[in-house]
Amino acid sequence: MSLLWGTIAVLVVIVWAITLFDIFRRHLGAGSTILWIVLTIFLPLIGSAIYWSVRKPEPGDIDRTLASDAAMRDEARRRPIDSPKM
C-alpha cells in the first residue's frame, strides 16, 4: 500500500514541478505569476489542474503541434503497409 502512495506522491511532485516551470517560463506578469504560484504551492494538485485547464496555448505551441502531426502523417505515408508500427 505504501508503494501506491509513494508513486502517487512522486507523480504529484512531477506535475507540480512542471506546472511551476511553465508558470515561470510564460512570463504572465507579476500579479498573475504570484497568484498562480501561491495557488499551486498551497494546493499542488488542484492548483495545477486549474492552471492547465485555463492555460491558453502560445502561438509556438500550436505551430509545434501542427508540425509534429504533419511529420507523423508523412512517416505513416512512407511506411510500407506490412511493416510493424513503432
Foldseek 3Di string as FASTA:
>chain_A
DVVVVVVVVVVLVVLLVVQLVVLVVVCPDDVVSVVLNVLCVVPVPVSSVVCVVPDDDDPVVVVVVVVVVVVVVVVVVPDDPPDDDD
